[in-house]
Amino acid sequence: PRWQHIVLMALCTVVLIAAIANFLVSDSNRARALHAALT
């Protein structure tokens, strides 16, 4: 349904911002690789 589509896009955007933020503040290469893959 249209409302679920919009909600999924909003959630995906929030997750994308969080993954980028976590990638930038990660202190190990393993964590950076994980967050880069999720991004």
PDB file of all heavy atoms in Angstrom:
ATOM      1  N   PRO A   1       0.848  -1.196   0.000  1.00  0.00           N
ATOM      2  CA  PRO A   1       0.000   0.000   0.000  1.00  0.00           C
ATOM      3  C   PRO A   1       0.885   1.249   0.000  1.00  0.00           C
ATOM      4  O   PRO A   1       2.039   1.207   0.436  1.00  0.00           O
ATOM      5  CB  PRO A   1      -0.781  -0.112   1.311  1.00  0.00           C
ATOM      6  CG  PRO A   1      -0.682  -1.537   1.710  1.00  0.00           C
ATOM      7  CD  PRO A   1       0.597  -2.057   1.138  1.00  0.00           C
ATOM      8  N   ARG A   2       0.336   2.339  -0.491  1.00  0.00           N
ATOM      9  CA  ARG A   2       1.121   3.567  -0.644  1.00  0.00           C
ATOM     10  C   ARG A   2       1.724   4.031   0.688  1.00  0.00           C
ATOM     11  O   ARG A   2       2.884   4.426   0.745  1.00  0.00           O
ATOM     12  CB  ARG A   2       0.222   4.665  -1.224  1.00  0.00           C
ATOM     13  CG  ARG A   2       0.947   5.936  -1.531  1.00  0.00           C
ATOM     14  CD  ARG A   2       0.016   6.900  -2.270  1.00  0.00           C
ATOM     15  NE  ARG A   2       0.718   8.091  -2.636  1.00  0.00           N
ATOM     16  CZ  ARG A   2       0.667   9.214  -1.944  1.00  0.00           C
ATOM     17  NH1 ARG A   2      -0.091   9.299  -0.875  1.00  0.00           N
ATOM     18  NH2 ARG A   2       1.354  10.269  -2.324  1.00  0.00           N
ATOM     19  N   TRP A   3       0.970   3.972   1.777  1.00  0.00           N
ATOM     20  CA  TRP A   3       1.472   4.456   3.062  1.00  0.00           C
ATOM     21  C   TRP A   3       2.635   3.607   3.553  1.00  0.00           C
ATOM     22  O   TRP A   3       3.589   4.124   4.132  1.00  0.00           O
ATOM     23  CB  TRP A   3       0.351   4.529   4.110  1.00  0.00           C
ATOM     24  CG  TRP A   3      -0.156   3.199   4.579  1.00  0.00           C
ATOM     25  CD1 TRP A   3      -1.170   2.470   4.042  1.00  0.00           C
ATOM     26  CD2 TRP A   3       0.343   2.434   5.675  1.00  0.00           C
ATOM     27  NE1 TRP A   3      -1.337   1.297   4.740  1.00  0.00           N
ATOM     28  CE2 TRP A   3      -0.429   1.253   5.757  1.00  0.00           C
ATOM     29  CE3 TRP A   3       1.361   2.637   6.596  1.00  0.00           C
ATOM     30  CZ2 TRP A   3      -0.201   0.280   6.714  1.00  0.00           C
ATOM     31  CZ3 TRP A   3       1.586   1.659   7.555  1.00  0.00           C
ATOM     32  CH2 TRP A   3       0.809   0.500   7.612  1.00  0.00           C
ATOM     33  N   GLN A   4       2.606   2.298   3.308  1.00  0.00           N
ATOM     34  CA  GLN A   4       3.720   1.449   3.713  1.00  0.00           C
ATOM     35  C   GLN A   4       4.964   1.745   2.882  1.00  0.00           C
ATOM     36  O   GLN A   4       6.086   1.705   3.392  1.00  0.00           O
ATOM     37  CB  GLN A   4       3.344  -0.024   3.576  1.00  0.00           C
ATOM     38  CG  GLN A   4       2.417  -0.508   4.652  1.00  0.00           C
ATOM     39  CD  GLN A   4       2.076  -1.979   4.503  1.00  0.00           C
ATOM     40  OE1 GLN A   4       2.427  -2.612   3.499  1.00  0.00           O
ATOM     41  NE2 GLN A   4       1.384  -2.521   5.490  1.00  0.00           N
ATOM     42  N   HIS A   5       4.752   2.054   1.622  1.00  0.00           N
ATOM     43  CA  HIS A   5       5.861   2.401   0.747  1.00  0.00           C
ATOM     44  C   HIS A   5       6.567   3.657   1.268  1.00  0.00           C
ATOM     45  O   HIS A   5       7.796   3.704   1.353  1.00  0.00           O
ATOM     46  CB  HIS A   5       5.320   2.638  -0.666  1.00  0.00           C
ATOM     47  CG  HIS A   5       6.292   2.345  -1.743  1.00  0.00           C
ATOM     48  ND1 HIS A   5       5.985   1.536  -2.799  1.00  0.00           N
ATOM     49  CD2 HIS A   5       7.558   2.739  -1.947  1.00  0.00           C
ATOM     50  CE1 HIS A   5       7.032   1.455  -3.601  1.00  0.00           C
ATOM     51  NE2 HIS A   5       7.999   2.185  -3.104  1.00  0.00           N
ATOM     52  N   ILE A   6       5.781   4.658   1.647  1.00  0.00           N
ATOM     53  CA  ILE A   6       6.340   5.912   2.157  1.00  0.00           C
ATOM     54  C   ILE A   6       7.050   5.690   3.489  1.00  0.00           C
ATOM     55  O   ILE A   6       8.147   6.213   3.723  1.00  0.00           O
ATOM     56  CB  ILE A   6       5.231   6.979   2.267  1.00  0.00           C
ATOM     57  CG1 ILE A   6       4.753   7.354   0.864  1.00  0.00           C
ATOM     58  CG2 ILE A   6       5.715   8.206   3.022  1.00  0.00           C
ATOM     59  CD1 ILE A   6       3.510   8.207   0.834  1.00  0.00           C
ATOM     60  N   VAL A   7       6.448   4.878   4.364  1.00  0.00           N
ATOM     61  CA  VAL A   7       7.073   4.587   5.654  1.00  0.00           C
ATOM     62  C   VAL A   7       8.401   3.852   5.451  1.00  0.00           C
ATOM     63  O   VAL A   7       9.401   4.155   6.118  1.00  0.00           O
ATOM     64  CB  VAL A   7       6.113   3.770   6.552  1.00  0.00           C
ATOM     65  CG1 VAL A   7       6.832   3.195   7.762  1.00  0.00           C
ATOM     66  CG2 VAL A   7       4.948   4.634   6.993  1.00  0.00           C
ATOM     67  N   LEU A   8       8.437   2.898   4.535  1.00  0.00           N
ATOM     68  CA  LEU A   8       9.692   2.185   4.260  1.00  0.00           C
ATOM     69  C   LEU A   8      10.770   3.126   3.725  1.00  0.00           C
ATOM     70  O   LEU A   8      11.941   3.001   4.092  1.00  0.00           O
ATOM     71  CB  LEU A   8       9.449   1.049   3.262  1.00  0.00           C
ATOM     72  CG  LEU A   8       8.972  -0.259   3.851  1.00  0.00           C
ATOM     73  CD1 LEU A   8       8.701  -1.265   2.744  1.00  0.00           C
ATOM     74  CD2 LEU A   8       9.980  -0.825   4.820  1.00  0.00           C
ATOM     75  N   MET A   9      10.396   4.056   2.860  1.00  0.00           N
ATOM     76  CA  MET A   9      11.381   5.016   2.360  1.00  0.00           C
ATOM     77  C   MET A   9      11.912   5.892   3.491  1.00  0.00           C
ATOM     78  O   MET A   9      13.114   6.167   3.563  1.00  0.00           O
ATOM     79  CB  MET A   9      10.780   5.880   1.243  1.00  0.00           C
ATOM     80  CG  MET A   9      10.589   5.130  -0.057  1.00  0.00           C
ATOM     81  SD  MET A   9      10.123   6.166  -1.449  1.00  0.00           S
ATOM     82  CE  MET A   9       8.520   6.748  -0.965  1.00  0.00           C
ATOM     83  N   ALA A  10      11.030   6.325   4.395  1.00  0.00           N
ATOM     84  CA  ALA A  10      11.462   7.149   5.529  1.00  0.00           C
ATOM     85  C   ALA A  10      12.390   6.357   6.451  1.00  0.00           C
ATOM     86  O   ALA A  10      13.441   6.862   6.875  1.00  0.00           O
ATOM     87  CB  ALA A  10      10.243   7.654   6.289  1.00  0.00           C
ATOM     88  N   LEU A  11      12.021   5.112   6.769  1.00  0.00           N
ATOM     89  CA  LEU A  11      12.874   4.284   7.625  1.00  0.00           C
ATOM     90  C   LEU A  11      14.228   4.003   6.975  1.00  0.00           C
ATOM     91  O   LEU A  11      15.264   4.013   7.639  1.00  0.00           O
ATOM     92  CB  LEU A  11      12.178   2.965   7.948  1.00  0.00           C
ATOM     93  CG  LEU A  11      11.027   3.049   8.947  1.00  0.00           C
ATOM     94  CD1 LEU A  11      10.320   1.705   9.053  1.00  0.00           C
ATOM     95  CD2 LEU A  11      11.512   3.502  10.301  1.00  0.00           C
ATOM     96  N   CYS A  12      14.209   3.767   5.687  1.00  0.00           N
ATOM     97  CA  CYS A  12      15.453   3.508   4.960  1.00  0.00           C
ATOM     98  C   CYS A  12      16.363   4.737   4.999  1.00  0.00           C
ATOM     99  O   CYS A  12      17.579   4.613   5.125  1.00  0.00           O
ATOM    100  CB  CYS A  12      15.136   3.136   3.514  1.00  0.00           C
ATOM    101  SG  CYS A  12      15.804   1.569   3.027  1.00  0.00           S
ATOM    102  N   THR A  13      15.765   5.911   4.907  1.00  0.00           N
ATOM    103  CA  THR A  13      16.539   7.149   4.968  1.00  0.00           C
ATOM    104  C   THR A  13      17.173   7.324   6.348  1.00  0.00           C
ATOM    105  O   THR A  13      18.350   7.685   6.459  1.00  0.00           O
ATOM    106  CB  THR A  13      15.635   8.355   4.637  1.00  0.00           C
ATOM    107  OG1 THR A  13      15.070   8.156   3.341  1.00  0.00           O
ATOM    108  CG2 THR A  13      16.406   9.644   4.654  1.00  0.00           C
ATOM    109  N   VAL A  14      16.421   7.036   7.401  1.00  0.00           N
ATOM    110  CA  VAL A  14      16.953   7.135   8.767  1.00  0.00           C
ATOM    111  C   VAL A  14      18.095   6.139   8.965  1.00  0.00           C
ATOM    112  O   VAL A  14      19.150   6.487   9.524  1.00  0.00           O
ATOM    113  CB  VAL A  14      15.824   6.905   9.796  1.00  0.00           C
ATOM    114  CG1 VAL A  14      16.381   6.747  11.199  1.00  0.00           C
ATOM    115  CG2 VAL A  14      14.826   8.042   9.743  1.00  0.00           C
ATOM    116  N   VAL A  15      17.914   4.915   8.494  1.00  0.00           N
ATOM    117  CA  VAL A  15      18.962   3.900   8.621  1.00  0.00           C
ATOM    118  C   VAL A  15      20.204   4.309   7.828  1.00  0.00           C
ATOM    119  O   VAL A  15      21.334   4.113   8.282  1.00  0.00           O
ATOM    120  CB  VAL A  15      18.437   2.515   8.170  1.00  0.00           C
ATOM    121  CG1 VAL A  15      19.560   1.497   8.058  1.00  0.00           C
ATOM    122  CG2 VAL A  15      17.374   2.033   9.133  1.00  0.00           C
ATOM    123  N   LEU A  16      20.004   4.898   6.659  1.00  0.00           N
ATOM    124  CA  LEU A  16      21.137   5.339   5.846  1.00  0.00           C
ATOM    125  C   LEU A  16      21.924   6.425   6.562  1.00  0.00           C
ATOM    126  O   LEU A  16      23.158   6.383   6.604  1.00  0.00           O
ATOM    127  CB  LEU A  16      20.638   5.844   4.486  1.00  0.00           C
ATOM    128  CG  LEU A  16      21.704   6.258   3.476  1.00  0.00           C
ATOM    129  CD1 LEU A  16      22.579   5.070   3.105  1.00  0.00           C
ATOM    130  CD2 LEU A  16      21.053   6.839   2.237  1.00  0.00           C
ATOM    131  N   ILE A  17      21.239   7.390   7.152  1.00  0.00           N
ATOM    132  CA  ILE A  17      21.918   8.459   7.892  1.00  0.00           C
ATOM    133  C   ILE A  17      22.664   7.880   9.092  1.00  0.00           C
ATOM    134  O   ILE A  17      23.816   8.250   9.368  1.00  0.00           O
ATOM    135  CB  ILE A  17      20.903   9.536   8.320  1.00  0.00           C
ATOM    136  CG1 ILE A  17      20.388  10.278   7.091  1.00  0.00           C
ATOM    137  CG2 ILE A  17      21.516  10.511   9.315  1.00  0.00           C
ATOM    138  CD1 ILE A  17      19.190  11.161   7.361  1.00  0.00           C
ATOM    139  N   ALA A  18      22.039   6.957   9.815  1.00  0.00           N
ATOM    140  CA  ALA A  18      22.691   6.329  10.966  1.00  0.00           C
ATOM    141  C   ALA A  18      23.923   5.525  10.547  1.00  0.00           C
ATOM    142  O   ALA A  18      24.958   5.562  11.215  1.00  0.00           O
ATOM    143  CB  ALA A  18      21.701   5.431  11.696  1.00  0.00           C
ATOM    144  N   ALA A  19      23.819   4.806   9.444  1.00  0.00           N
ATOM    145  CA  ALA A  19      24.955   4.004   8.980  1.00  0.00           C
ATOM    146  C   ALA A  19      26.123   4.895   8.567  1.00  0.00           C
ATOM    147  O   ALA A  19      27.284   4.581   8.859  1.00  0.00           O
ATOM    148  CB  ALA A  19      24.530   3.111   7.818  1.00  0.00           C
ATOM    149  N   ILE A  20      25.830   6.011   7.928  1.00  0.00           N
ATOM    150  CA  ILE A  20      26.894   6.944   7.541  1.00  0.00           C
ATOM    151  C   ILE A  20      27.532   7.551   8.780  1.00  0.00           C
ATOM    152  O   ILE A  20      28.764   7.648   8.884  1.00  0.00           O
ATOM    153  CB  ILE A  20      26.339   8.031   6.595  1.00  0.00           C
ATOM    154  CG1 ILE A  20      25.971   7.422   5.247  1.00  0.00           C
ATOM    155  CG2 ILE A  20      27.351   9.158   6.411  1.00  0.00           C
ATOM    156  CD1 ILE A  20      25.210   8.343   4.323  1.00  0.00           C
ATOM    157  N   ALA A  21      26.696   7.957   9.752  1.00  0.00           N
ATOM    158  CA  ALA A  21      27.225   8.539  10.989  1.00  0.00           C
ATOM    159  C   ALA A  21      28.089   7.529  11.739  1.00  0.00           C
ATOM    160  O   ALA A  21      29.179   7.864  12.229  1.00  0.00           O
ATOM    161  CB  ALA A  21      26.080   9.022  11.867  1.00  0.00           C
ATOM    162  N   ASN A  22      27.620   6.287  11.830  1.00  0.00           N
ATOM    163  CA  ASN A  22      28.404   5.256  12.515  1.00  0.00           C
ATOM    164  C   ASN A  22      29.695   4.942  11.774  1.00  0.00           C
ATOM    165  O   ASN A  22      30.720   4.661  12.405  1.00  0.00           O
ATOM    166  CB  ASN A  22      27.574   3.987  12.700  1.00  0.00           C
ATOM    167  CG  ASN A  22      26.555   4.126  13.796  1.00  0.00           C
ATOM    168  OD1 ASN A  22      26.786   4.810  14.785  1.00  0.00           O
ATOM    169  ND2 ASN A  22      25.420   3.473  13.635  1.00  0.00           N
ATOM    170  N   PHE A  23      29.651   4.975  10.465  1.00  0.00           N
ATOM    171  CA  PHE A  23      30.875   4.767   9.679  1.00  0.00           C
ATOM    172  C   PHE A  23      31.906   5.846  10.001  1.00  0.00           C
ATOM    173  O   PHE A  23      33.084   5.556  10.170  1.00  0.00           O
ATOM    174  CB  PHE A  23      30.560   4.780   8.180  1.00  0.00           C
ATOM    175  CG  PHE A  23      31.775   4.771   7.304  1.00  0.00           C
ATOM    176  CD1 PHE A  23      32.449   3.588   7.064  1.00  0.00           C
ATOM    177  CD2 PHE A  23      32.245   5.936   6.728  1.00  0.00           C
ATOM    178  CE1 PHE A  23      33.584   3.569   6.262  1.00  0.00           C
ATOM    179  CE2 PHE A  23      33.371   5.931   5.925  1.00  0.00           C
ATOM    180  CZ  PHE A  23      34.045   4.738   5.689  1.00  0.00           C
ATOM    181  N   LEU A  24      31.443   7.092  10.115  1.00  0.00           N
ATOM    182  CA  LEU A  24      32.364   8.206  10.356  1.00  0.00           C
ATOM    183  C   LEU A  24      32.983   8.176  11.747  1.00  0.00           C
ATOM    184  O   LEU A  24      34.119   8.622  11.936  1.00  0.00           O
ATOM    185  CB  LEU A  24      31.643   9.542  10.126  1.00  0.00           C
ATOM    186  CG  LEU A  24      31.214   9.810   8.683  1.00  0.00           C
ATOM    187  CD1 LEU A  24      30.396  11.087   8.602  1.00  0.00           C
ATOM    188  CD2 LEU A  24      32.428   9.882   7.765  1.00  0.00           C
ATOM    189  N   VAL A  25      32.274   7.670  12.749  1.00  0.00           N
ATOM    190  CA  VAL A  25      32.800   7.687  14.123  1.00  0.00           C
ATOM    191  C   VAL A  25      33.396   6.350  14.556  1.00  0.00           C
ATOM    192  O   VAL A  25      33.864   6.235  15.683  1.00  0.00           O
ATOM    193  CB  VAL A  25      31.711   8.133  15.135  1.00  0.00           C
ATOM    194  CG1 VAL A  25      31.241   9.534  14.822  1.00  0.00           C
ATOM    195  CG2 VAL A  25      30.559   7.158  15.173  1.00  0.00           C
ATOM    196  N   SER A  26      33.377   5.348  13.704  1.00  0.00           N
ATOM    197  CA  SER A  26      33.934   4.041  14.063  1.00  0.00           C
ATOM    198  C   SER A  26      35.432   4.152  14.304  1.00  0.00           C
ATOM    199  O   SER A  26      36.139   4.861  13.588  1.00  0.00           O
ATOM    200  CB  SER A  26      33.682   3.022  12.957  1.00  0.00           C
ATOM    201  OG  SER A  26      32.313   2.790  12.816  1.00  0.00           O
ATOM    202  N   ASP A  27      35.888   3.407  15.321  1.00  0.00           N
ATOM    203  CA  ASP A  27      37.313   3.484  15.633  1.00  0.00           C
ATOM    204  C   ASP A  27      38.113   2.297  15.098  1.00  0.00           C
ATOM    205  O   ASP A  27      39.334   2.329  15.110  1.00  0.00           O
ATOM    206  CB  ASP A  27      37.518   3.622  17.142  1.00  0.00           C
ATOM    207  CG  ASP A  27      36.855   2.506  17.930  1.00  0.00           C
ATOM    208  OD1 ASP A  27      36.096   1.740  17.324  1.00  0.00           O
ATOM    209  OD2 ASP A  27      37.092   2.422  19.154  1.00  0.00           O
ATOM    210  N   SER A  28      37.455   1.270  14.616  1.00  0.00           N
ATOM    211  CA  SER A  28      38.191   0.134  14.058  1.00  0.00           C
ATOM    212  C   SER A  28      37.796  -0.066  12.593  1.00  0.00           C
ATOM    213  O   SER A  28      36.701   0.306  12.168  1.00  0.00           O
ATOM    214  CB  SER A  28      37.904  -1.138  14.857  1.00  0.00           C
ATOM    215  OG  SER A  28      36.584  -1.571  14.633  1.00  0.00           O
ATOM    216  N   ASN A  29      38.717  -0.674  11.866  1.00  0.00           N
ATOM    217  CA  ASN A  29      38.454  -0.931  10.449  1.00  0.00           C
ATOM    218  C   ASN A  29      37.347  -1.963  10.256  1.00  0.00           C
ATOM    219  O   ASN A  29      36.601  -1.900   9.277  1.00  0.00           O
ATOM    220  CB  ASN A  29      39.726  -1.392   9.747  1.00  0.00           C
ATOM    221  CG  ASN A  29      40.677  -0.232   9.511  1.00  0.00           C
ATOM    222  OD1 ASN A  29      40.253   0.918   9.444  1.00  0.00           O
ATOM    223  ND2 ASN A  29      41.959  -0.556   9.411  1.00  0.00           N
ATOM    224  N   ARG A  30      37.234  -2.884  11.194  1.00  0.00           N
ATOM    225  CA  ARG A  30      36.185  -3.897  11.109  1.00  0.00           C
ATOM    226  C   ARG A  30      34.802  -3.245  11.221  1.00  0.00           C
ATOM    227  O   ARG A  30      33.885  -3.558  10.455  1.00  0.00           O
ATOM    228  CB  ARG A  30      36.386  -4.932  12.198  1.00  0.00           C
ATOM    229  CG  ARG A  30      35.439  -6.073  12.128  1.00  0.00           C
ATOM    230  CD  ARG A  30      35.757  -7.095  13.193  1.00  0.00           C
ATOM    231  NE  ARG A  30      34.885  -8.238  13.073  1.00  0.00           N
ATOM    232  CZ  ARG A  30      34.952  -9.291  13.833  1.00  0.00           C
ATOM    233  NH1 ARG A  30      35.851  -9.360  14.776  1.00  0.00           N
ATOM    234  NH2 ARG A  30      34.120 -10.295  13.655  1.00  0.00           N
ATOM    235  N   ALA A  31      34.661  -2.335  12.159  1.00  0.00           N
ATOM    236  CA  ALA A  31      33.385  -1.630  12.328  1.00  0.00           C
ATOM    237  C   ALA A  31      33.106  -0.739  11.123  1.00  0.00           C
ATOM    238  O   ALA A  31      31.962  -0.630  10.675  1.00  0.00           O
ATOM    239  CB  ALA A  31      33.404  -0.806  13.611  1.00  0.00           C
ATOM    240  N   ARG A  32      34.150  -0.092  10.610  1.00  0.00           N
ATOM    241  CA  ARG A  32      33.966   0.747   9.410  1.00  0.00           C
ATOM    242  C   ARG A  32      33.504  -0.086   8.223  1.00  0.00           C
ATOM    243  O   ARG A  32      32.634   0.338   7.460  1.00  0.00           O
ATOM    244  CB  ARG A  32      35.262   1.471   9.055  1.00  0.00           C
ATOM    245  CG  ARG A  32      35.524   2.668   9.897  1.00  0.00           C
ATOM    246  CD  ARG A  32      36.755   3.404   9.385  1.00  0.00           C
ATOM    247  NE  ARG A  32      37.116   4.417  10.339  1.00  0.00           N
ATOM    248  CZ  ARG A  32      36.920   5.702  10.137  1.00  0.00           C
ATOM    249  NH1 ARG A  32      36.391   6.116   9.021  1.00  0.00           N
ATOM    250  NH2 ARG A  32      37.273   6.573  11.053  1.00  0.00           N
ATOM    251  N   ALA A  33      34.078  -1.260   8.058  1.00  0.00           N
ATOM    252  CA  ALA A  33      33.689  -2.130   6.939  1.00  0.00           C
ATOM    253  C   ALA A  33      32.239  -2.581   7.100  1.00  0.00           C
ATOM    254  O   ALA A  33      31.480  -2.606   6.113  1.00  0.00           O
ATOM    255  CB  ALA A  33      34.616  -3.341   6.870  1.00  0.00           C
ATOM    256  N   LEU A  34      31.845  -2.917   8.316  1.00  0.00           N
ATOM    257  CA  LEU A  34      30.470  -3.330   8.565  1.00  0.00           C
ATOM    258  C   LEU A  34      29.495  -2.199   8.233  1.00  0.00           C
ATOM    259  O   LEU A  34      28.507  -2.404   7.523  1.00  0.00           O
ATOM    260  CB  LEU A  34      30.290  -3.756  10.021  1.00  0.00           C
ATOM    261  CG  LEU A  34      28.854  -4.044  10.456  1.00  0.00           C
ATOM    262  CD1 LEU A  34      28.339  -5.297   9.767  1.00  0.00           C
ATOM    263  CD2 LEU A  34      28.771  -4.162  11.954  1.00  0.00           C
ATOM    264  N   HIS A  35      29.782  -0.995   8.719  1.00  0.00           N
ATOM    265  CA  HIS A  35      28.890   0.130   8.470  1.00  0.00           C
ATOM    266  C   HIS A  35      28.912   0.567   7.002  1.00  0.00           C
ATOM    267  O   HIS A  35      27.895   1.020   6.475  1.00  0.00           O
ATOM    268  CB  HIS A  35      29.217   1.293   9.397  1.00  0.00           C
ATOM    269  CG  HIS A  35      28.893   0.993  10.830  1.00  0.00           C
ATOM    270  ND1 HIS A  35      27.614   0.744  11.259  1.00  0.00           N
ATOM    271  CD2 HIS A  35      29.680   0.867  11.914  1.00  0.00           C
ATOM    272  CE1 HIS A  35      27.634   0.490  12.555  1.00  0.00           C
ATOM    273  NE2 HIS A  35      28.882   0.552  12.974  1.00  0.00           N
ATOM    274  N   ALA A  36      30.049   0.420   6.343  1.00  0.00           N
ATOM    275  CA  ALA A  36      30.117   0.733   4.913  1.00  0.00           C
ATOM    276  C   ALA A  36      29.246  -0.246   4.119  1.00  0.00           C
ATOM    277  O   ALA A  36      28.512   0.164   3.204  1.00  0.00           O
ATOM    278  CB  ALA A  36      31.563   0.685   4.429  1.00  0.00           C
ATOM    279  N   ALA A  37      29.311  -1.525   4.484  1.00  0.00           N
ATOM    280  CA  ALA A  37      28.488  -2.531   3.794  1.00  0.00           C
ATOM    281  C   ALA A  37      27.004  -2.256   4.022  1.00  0.00           C
ATOM    282  O   ALA A  37      26.199  -2.320   3.084  1.00  0.00           O
ATOM    283  CB  ALA A  37      28.854  -3.930   4.277  1.00  0.00           C
ATOM    284  N   LEU A  38      26.628  -1.935   5.262  1.00  0.00           N
ATOM    285  CA  LEU A  38      25.236  -1.617   5.553  1.00  0.00           C
ATOM    286  C   LEU A  38      24.778  -0.367   4.809  1.00  0.00           C
ATOM    287  O   LEU A  38      23.641  -0.302   4.348  1.00  0.00           O
ATOM    288  CB  LEU A  38      25.032  -1.438   7.061  1.00  0.00           C
ATOM    289  CG  LEU A  38      25.139  -2.714   7.889  1.00  0.00           C
ATOM    290  CD1 LEU A  38      25.053  -2.391   9.372  1.00  0.00           C
ATOM    291  CD2 LEU A  38      24.077  -3.710   7.505  1.00  0.00           C
ATOM    292  N   THR A  39      25.664   0.607   4.697  1.00  0.00           N
ATOM    293  CA  THR A  39      25.335   1.830   3.967  1.00  0.00           C
ATOM    294  C   THR A  39      25.065   1.530   2.494  1.00  0.00           C
ATOM    295  O   THR A  39      24.089   2.028   1.914  1.00  0.00           O
ATOM    296  CB  THR A  39      26.476   2.862   4.092  1.00  0.00           C
ATOM    297  OG1 THR A  39      26.679   3.146   5.474  1.00  0.00           O
ATOM    298  CG2 THR A  39      26.158   4.142   3.350  1.00  0.00           C
TER     299      THR A  39
END
